[in-house]
Amino acid sequence: MSRIGNNPVAIPEGVTVDVKDNVVTVKGKLGELKQYYDSIEIKVEDSSVWVTRSSDTKDQKAKHGLYRSLMNNMIAGVSQGWTKQLELVGVGYRASNQGQKLDLALGFSHNIVLEVAPEVVVETISEKGKNPIVKLTSFDKQLVGQVAAKIRGFRPPEPYKGKGIKFVGEVLRRKAGKSA
């Protein structure tokens, strides 16, 4: 039994869910998302979405909870949106943006300029005495996570001093250095 898959997904006001030809379309005030599905059934009743499976095969059990979680993330995304914040920890690490171009100074010989997808809103916060923060906001959870992982991949945090790009609130496992 899938505990997650058996729960219905509530549809808030202002969000519409359409199911046609194995494609679910979710529209809301922030945008529109589409998701292909197979081997399970998705029904829209009253103000909730139900995900059901016809048998207990391993494939259908796996997809039951998966598609329910995807529906929940899509509905939450088009109604509230998703946000990821990255913190640049290190001396001289800076971030700035002009529209969708993110300019990162991470201690390399040249700055890294990243063209971010138009669905993702980029914002940089630089306060004196604090580490720069890159804030990513979008209605697509997968896209926000992918862009955040790409930015973090430029300079992942190292375990000795903690320098690098980390998520805000992320706890790093630190190591002791050489003992003299």
Protein backbone atom coordinates (compact mmCIF):
# COMPACT_ATOMS: atom_id res chain seq x y z
CA MET A 1 0.00 0.00 0.00
CA SER A 2 1.29 3.43 -0.90
CA ARG A 3 0.63 5.80 1.98
CA ILE A 4 1.43 8.84 -0.12
CA GLY A 5 -0.38 7.64 -3.26
CA ASN A 6 -3.67 6.98 -1.47
CA ASN A 7 -3.99 10.56 -0.22
CA PRO A 8 -5.94 12.98 -2.45
CA VAL A 9 -4.36 16.24 -3.62
CA ALA A 10 -6.49 19.27 -2.78
CA ILE A 11 -6.97 21.81 -5.58
CA PRO A 12 -6.96 25.41 -4.27
CA GLU A 13 -9.04 28.20 -5.78
CA GLY A 14 -7.72 29.62 -9.04
CA VAL A 15 -6.08 26.34 -10.11
CA THR A 16 -7.50 24.12 -12.87
CA VAL A 17 -6.46 20.51 -13.54
CA ASP A 18 -7.21 18.84 -16.91
CA VAL A 19 -6.55 15.16 -17.70
CA LYS A 20 -6.48 14.16 -21.41
CA ASP A 21 -4.61 11.45 -23.34
CA ASN A 22 -2.20 10.53 -20.50
CA VAL A 23 -1.21 14.18 -19.98
CA VAL A 24 -2.14 16.22 -16.91
CA THR A 25 -2.24 20.01 -17.37
CA VAL A 26 -2.25 22.24 -14.29
CA LYS A 27 -2.94 25.98 -14.74
CA GLY A 28 -2.70 28.62 -12.04
CA LYS A 29 -1.92 32.28 -11.45
CA LEU A 30 1.86 31.73 -11.72
CA GLY A 31 1.97 29.54 -14.84
CA GLU A 32 1.09 26.27 -16.54
CA LEU A 33 2.69 22.82 -16.13
CA LYS A 34 2.21 19.58 -18.05
CA GLN A 35 3.10 16.04 -16.98
CA TYR A 36 2.88 12.80 -18.98
CA TYR A 37 1.85 9.67 -17.04
CA ASP A 38 1.30 5.96 -17.73
CA SER A 39 0.18 2.71 -15.99
CA ILE A 40 -1.99 4.53 -13.42
CA GLU A 41 -5.29 6.43 -13.40
CA ILE A 42 -5.70 10.08 -12.45
CA LYS A 43 -9.19 11.41 -11.71
CA VAL A 44 -10.34 14.93 -10.84
CA GLU A 45 -13.34 14.88 -8.49
CA ASP A 46 -14.83 17.94 -6.76
CA SER A 47 -11.79 19.94 -5.62
CA SER A 48 -9.24 17.11 -5.39
CA VAL A 49 -7.10 14.87 -7.57
CA TRP A 50 -7.08 11.10 -6.94
CA VAL A 51 -4.29 8.82 -8.17
CA THR A 52 -5.20 5.11 -8.34
CA ARG A 53 -3.59 1.94 -9.65
CA SER A 54 -5.28 -1.11 -11.17
CA SER A 55 -2.92 -3.80 -9.84
CA ASP A 56 -0.12 -4.36 -7.32
CA THR A 57 2.75 -4.84 -9.74
CA LYS A 58 6.10 -3.40 -8.70
CA ASP A 59 6.00 -0.83 -11.55
CA GLN A 60 2.54 0.46 -10.63
CA LYS A 61 3.35 0.60 -6.92
CA ALA A 62 6.41 2.73 -7.67
CA LYS A 63 4.51 5.09 -9.98
CA HIS A 64 1.52 5.44 -7.65
CA GLY A 65 3.31 7.57 -5.04
CA LEU A 66 5.52 9.22 -7.66
CA TYR A 67 2.69 10.69 -9.73
CA ARG A 68 0.77 11.75 -6.62
CA SER A 69 3.83 13.67 -5.42
CA LEU A 70 4.31 15.20 -8.88
CA MET A 71 0.64 16.34 -8.92
CA ASN A 72 1.06 17.87 -5.44
CA ASN A 73 4.25 19.70 -6.50
CA MET A 74 2.63 20.98 -9.70
CA ILE A 75 -0.46 22.30 -7.90
CA ALA A 76 1.64 23.93 -5.15
CA GLY A 77 3.96 25.42 -7.79
CA VAL A 78 1.31 27.16 -9.90
CA SER A 79 -0.49 28.51 -6.81
CA GLN A 80 2.41 29.50 -4.46
CA GLY A 81 5.69 28.89 -6.32
CA TRP A 82 8.99 27.32 -5.22
CA THR A 83 12.07 29.09 -3.87
CA LYS A 84 15.68 27.96 -3.37
CA GLN A 85 18.35 30.14 -1.77
CA LEU A 86 22.09 29.61 -2.26
CA GLU A 87 24.72 31.17 -0.01
CA LEU A 88 28.23 32.00 -1.29
CA VAL A 89 30.70 31.33 1.54
CA GLY A 90 34.25 32.55 0.90
CA VAL A 91 36.41 35.66 0.77
CA GLY A 92 35.82 37.57 -2.46
CA TYR A 93 32.84 35.45 -3.60
CA ARG A 94 30.28 37.75 -5.20
CA ALA A 95 27.05 37.41 -7.17
CA SER A 96 25.15 39.90 -9.30
CA ASN A 97 22.48 39.67 -11.94
CA GLN A 98 21.24 41.68 -14.90
CA GLY A 99 17.83 40.22 -15.76
CA GLN A 100 18.32 36.50 -16.43
CA LYS A 101 22.14 36.64 -16.51
CA LEU A 102 23.77 35.60 -13.26
CA ASP A 103 27.38 36.75 -12.80
CA LEU A 104 29.36 34.77 -10.19
CA ALA A 105 32.85 35.62 -8.91
CA LEU A 106 34.02 32.39 -7.23
CA GLY A 107 37.79 32.73 -7.06
CA PHE A 108 38.49 31.50 -10.60
CA SER A 109 40.51 33.58 -13.08
CA HIS A 110 37.27 34.65 -14.84
CA ASN A 111 33.73 35.29 -13.64
CA ILE A 112 31.11 32.67 -14.46
CA VAL A 113 28.14 34.07 -16.40
CA LEU A 114 25.08 31.80 -16.40
CA GLU A 115 22.02 32.40 -18.57
CA VAL A 116 19.08 31.22 -16.44
CA ALA A 117 15.84 29.85 -17.95
CA PRO A 118 13.11 32.49 -18.39
CA GLU A 119 10.73 30.59 -16.07
CA VAL A 120 13.11 31.11 -13.13
CA VAL A 121 13.31 34.53 -11.46
CA VAL A 122 16.85 35.30 -10.24
CA GLU A 123 17.55 37.71 -7.39
CA THR A 124 20.87 38.44 -5.68
CA ILE A 125 21.09 39.79 -2.14
CA SER A 126 24.37 41.38 -1.01
CA GLU A 127 24.57 42.95 2.45
CA LYS A 128 27.75 44.27 4.01
CA GLY A 129 29.22 41.84 6.51
CA LYS A 130 27.09 38.91 5.30
CA ASN A 131 27.58 36.27 2.62
CA PRO A 132 25.95 36.96 -0.77
CA ILE A 133 22.71 35.04 -1.40
CA VAL A 134 21.28 33.96 -4.77
CA LYS A 135 17.49 33.52 -4.62
CA LEU A 136 15.77 31.42 -7.32
CA THR A 137 11.97 31.44 -7.65
CA SER A 138 9.70 29.62 -10.13
CA PHE A 139 6.48 27.63 -10.43
CA ASP A 140 8.39 24.53 -11.62
CA LYS A 141 10.02 22.69 -8.68
CA GLN A 142 12.17 20.47 -10.90
CA LEU A 143 13.56 23.43 -12.86
CA VAL A 144 14.40 25.43 -9.71
CA GLY A 145 16.23 22.44 -8.26
CA GLN A 146 18.12 21.81 -11.48
CA VAL A 147 19.30 25.44 -11.79
CA ALA A 148 20.26 25.51 -8.09
CA ALA A 149 22.24 22.27 -8.45
CA LYS A 150 24.04 23.65 -11.52
CA ILE A 151 25.03 26.83 -9.63
CA ARG A 152 26.14 24.79 -6.59
CA GLY A 153 28.20 22.55 -8.88
CA PHE A 154 30.48 25.45 -9.86
CA ARG A 155 32.04 25.49 -6.36
CA PRO A 156 30.59 22.84 -3.98
CA PRO A 157 31.30 23.44 -0.29
CA GLU A 158 34.50 21.84 0.95
CA PRO A 159 34.57 20.03 4.32
CA TYR A 160 37.58 21.77 5.94
CA LYS A 161 36.77 25.49 5.88
CA GLY A 162 33.22 25.29 4.51
CA LYS A 163 34.02 27.53 1.54
CA GLY A 164 31.86 27.21 -1.56
CA ILE A 165 28.22 27.51 -2.60
CA LYS A 166 25.73 25.92 -0.22
CA PHE A 167 21.98 25.97 0.25
CA VAL A 168 20.71 28.29 2.98
CA GLY A 169 20.13 26.15 6.05
CA GLU A 170 22.28 23.27 4.78
CA VAL A 171 24.38 21.64 7.49
CA LEU A 172 27.86 20.70 6.28
CA ARG A 173 29.81 17.83 7.73
CA ARG A 174 33.11 19.38 8.77
CA LYS A 175 36.44 17.59 9.06
CA ALA A 176 39.40 18.33 11.33
CA GLY A 177 42.48 19.57 9.52
CA LYS A 178 46.05 18.38 9.94
CA SER A 179 47.22 18.12 13.53
CA ALA A 180 50.73 19.46 14.05
